[in-house]
Amino acid sequence: MLSEQKRNAYADTNIYIRSAKDGVVQGVLEQQSTGLTWKFSDLVELMGLYETLFNALQYPQATHRLRRMKEEENAVQRREMKELEKKAEKDLVEQDATPTFIIKIKYRQNASWQGTIHWVEGDTTKNFRSTLELIRLMDSAIGGEDDETARW
């Protein structure tokens, strides 16, 4: 099992936006501590990658999860981590590339995520209280949303 400090480091991620056309955001998700990277072709795929990562690490701890026997739970965690590592691609991020966002998800409560998002280009950090708020902040930063509630 991973220590709490190591799990916390694994939950810190960078998002590199490659394109944002017609409301479809494409890019790369990078896990900061390991440098593992995954491509995503839309926000739904990005959110799925995050969920798989969190479930494999068991951090941040989900408030709702299926019950399993302890040995089975550890086996599932190892299998999910191996699947993530298999899906990871190399050389998706250039050596001196600057991420668009640095995201730290601290909690998974009430069937959603809470944490902080740092928009690198705008040099601004905001807290978010839900996955929807995270998506709206990302969308407003890349120029897609004019809503007052999600402005940087």
Protein backbone atom coordinates (compact mmCIF):
# COMPACT_ATOMS: atom_id res chain seq x y z
CA MET A 1 0.00 0.00 0.00
CA LEU A 2 1.14 3.52 -0.74
CA SER A 3 1.78 5.96 2.09
CA GLU A 4 -0.55 8.96 2.44
CA GLN A 5 2.24 11.38 1.43
CA LYS A 6 3.08 9.36 -1.70
CA ARG A 7 -0.61 9.09 -2.64
CA ASN A 8 -1.00 12.85 -2.25
CA ALA A 9 1.97 13.43 -4.57
CA TYR A 10 0.45 11.04 -7.11
CA ALA A 11 -2.81 13.01 -7.11
CA ASP A 12 -1.07 16.22 -8.34
CA THR A 13 -1.46 16.52 -12.10
CA ASN A 14 -0.72 18.82 -15.02
CA ILE A 15 -3.10 19.38 -17.92
CA TYR A 16 -1.69 20.41 -21.30
CA ILE A 17 -4.42 21.69 -23.62
CA ARG A 18 -3.49 20.96 -27.25
CA SER A 19 -6.68 22.20 -28.89
CA ALA A 20 -10.07 23.59 -27.90
CA LYS A 21 -12.36 23.83 -30.91
CA ASP A 22 -16.15 23.91 -30.93
CA GLY A 23 -16.27 23.09 -27.22
CA VAL A 24 -14.12 19.97 -27.58
CA VAL A 25 -10.95 20.09 -25.49
CA GLN A 26 -8.04 17.79 -26.35
CA GLY A 27 -4.73 17.42 -24.61
CA VAL A 28 -2.51 15.50 -22.24
CA LEU A 29 -2.87 14.58 -18.57
CA GLU A 30 0.47 14.25 -16.75
CA GLN A 31 0.93 12.81 -13.29
CA GLN A 32 3.53 15.11 -11.70
CA SER A 33 5.41 12.68 -9.48
CA THR A 34 5.91 9.90 -12.04
CA GLY A 35 5.77 11.80 -15.31
CA LEU A 36 3.26 9.28 -16.69
CA THR A 37 1.14 10.86 -19.43
CA TRP A 38 -2.15 10.03 -21.11
CA LYS A 39 -3.86 11.63 -24.11
CA PHE A 40 -7.49 12.68 -23.86
CA SER A 41 -9.76 13.65 -26.72
CA ASP A 42 -12.55 15.28 -24.71
CA LEU A 43 -13.44 16.23 -21.15
CA VAL A 44 -15.39 13.03 -20.54
CA GLU A 45 -12.28 10.98 -21.31
CA LEU A 46 -10.19 13.26 -19.06
CA MET A 47 -12.61 12.81 -16.16
CA GLY A 48 -12.55 9.03 -16.73
CA LEU A 49 -8.75 9.02 -16.60
CA TYR A 50 -8.85 10.93 -13.32
CA GLU A 51 -11.39 8.53 -11.77
CA THR A 52 -9.34 5.50 -12.81
CA LEU A 53 -6.20 7.10 -11.38
CA PHE A 54 -7.89 7.95 -8.08
CA ASN A 55 -9.43 4.48 -7.77
CA ALA A 56 -6.07 2.82 -8.47
CA LEU A 57 -4.32 4.98 -5.88
CA GLN A 58 -7.27 4.94 -3.48
CA TYR A 59 -6.54 8.65 -3.07
CA PRO A 60 -8.36 10.89 -2.63
CA GLN A 61 -10.58 8.42 -0.85
CA ALA A 62 -14.02 8.09 -2.45
CA THR A 63 -16.99 8.60 -0.15
CA HIS A 64 -18.89 5.84 -1.96
CA ARG A 65 -17.37 2.60 -3.18
CA LEU A 66 -18.26 -1.03 -3.60
CA ARG A 67 -17.38 -3.28 -0.70
CA ARG A 68 -14.76 -5.97 -1.25
CA MET A 69 -12.70 -8.33 0.81
CA LYS A 70 -9.32 -6.77 1.72
CA GLU A 71 -7.21 -9.09 -0.47
CA GLU A 72 -9.54 -8.62 -3.42
CA GLU A 73 -9.43 -4.83 -2.95
CA ASN A 74 -5.62 -4.85 -3.06
CA ALA A 75 -5.65 -7.03 -6.19
CA VAL A 76 -8.12 -4.67 -7.90
CA GLN A 77 -5.95 -1.68 -6.95
CA ARG A 78 -2.81 -3.31 -8.40
CA ARG A 79 -4.66 -4.33 -11.58
CA GLU A 80 -6.05 -0.78 -12.09
CA MET A 81 -2.58 0.72 -11.61
CA LYS A 82 -1.04 -1.72 -14.12
CA GLU A 83 -3.77 -0.86 -16.65
CA LEU A 84 -3.07 2.85 -16.19
CA GLU A 85 0.66 2.31 -16.65
CA LYS A 86 0.00 0.29 -19.84
CA LYS A 87 -2.16 3.10 -21.27
CA ALA A 88 0.47 5.72 -20.47
CA GLU A 89 2.37 7.05 -23.46
CA LYS A 90 5.88 8.44 -23.56
CA ASP A 91 7.11 11.72 -25.01
CA LEU A 92 3.69 13.40 -25.07
CA VAL A 93 5.09 16.43 -23.28
CA GLU A 94 8.14 18.33 -24.51
CA GLN A 95 10.96 18.82 -22.02
CA ASP A 96 10.37 22.57 -21.47
CA ALA A 97 6.58 22.63 -22.03
CA THR A 98 4.45 24.66 -19.66
CA PRO A 99 1.17 23.10 -18.54
CA THR A 100 -2.08 24.96 -19.10
CA PHE A 101 -3.44 23.91 -15.68
CA ILE A 102 -2.01 22.40 -12.51
CA ILE A 103 -4.76 20.55 -10.69
CA LYS A 104 -4.67 19.24 -7.13
CA ILE A 105 -7.72 17.20 -6.24
CA LYS A 106 -7.86 16.90 -2.47
CA TYR A 107 -11.21 15.24 -1.82
CA ARG A 108 -13.84 13.11 -3.52
CA GLN A 109 -16.92 13.84 -1.46
CA ASN A 110 -20.63 13.93 -2.31
CA ALA A 111 -19.95 12.05 -5.57
CA SER A 112 -17.78 14.92 -6.85
CA TRP A 113 -14.25 16.35 -6.56
CA GLN A 114 -12.89 19.25 -4.53
CA GLY A 115 -9.47 20.86 -4.82
CA THR A 116 -7.51 23.66 -6.48
CA ILE A 117 -6.80 24.57 -10.08
CA HIS A 118 -3.94 26.82 -11.11
CA TRP A 119 -4.21 28.41 -14.55
CA VAL A 120 -0.54 28.85 -15.48
CA GLU A 121 -0.98 31.39 -18.30
CA GLY A 122 -3.24 33.60 -16.19
CA ASP A 123 -1.12 33.00 -13.05
CA THR A 124 -4.30 32.48 -11.04
CA THR A 125 -5.33 29.79 -8.57
CA LYS A 126 -8.92 28.99 -7.60
CA ASN A 127 -10.59 26.44 -5.39
CA PHE A 128 -13.37 24.33 -6.84
CA ARG A 129 -16.12 22.52 -4.95
CA SER A 130 -17.34 20.17 -7.64
CA THR A 131 -16.30 18.50 -10.87
CA LEU A 132 -18.72 20.75 -12.74
CA GLU A 133 -17.09 23.85 -11.27
CA LEU A 134 -13.65 22.50 -12.30
CA ILE A 135 -14.88 22.00 -15.87
CA ARG A 136 -16.44 25.48 -15.97
CA LEU A 137 -13.22 27.09 -14.71
CA MET A 138 -11.18 25.25 -17.33
CA ASP A 139 -13.67 26.25 -20.02
CA SER A 140 -13.67 29.92 -19.01
CA ALA A 141 -9.85 30.00 -18.96
CA ILE A 142 -9.55 28.68 -22.49
CA GLY A 143 -12.14 31.15 -23.70
CA GLY A 144 -15.27 29.08 -24.03
CA GLU A 145 -17.59 30.41 -21.35
CA ASP A 146 -18.85 33.88 -20.50
CA ASP A 147 -20.66 32.93 -17.29
CA GLU A 148 -19.90 35.31 -14.38
CA THR A 149 -19.80 32.46 -11.84
CA ALA A 150 -16.88 30.69 -13.50
CA ARG A 151 -14.60 33.61 -14.33
CA TRP A 152 -10.99 33.80 -13.40
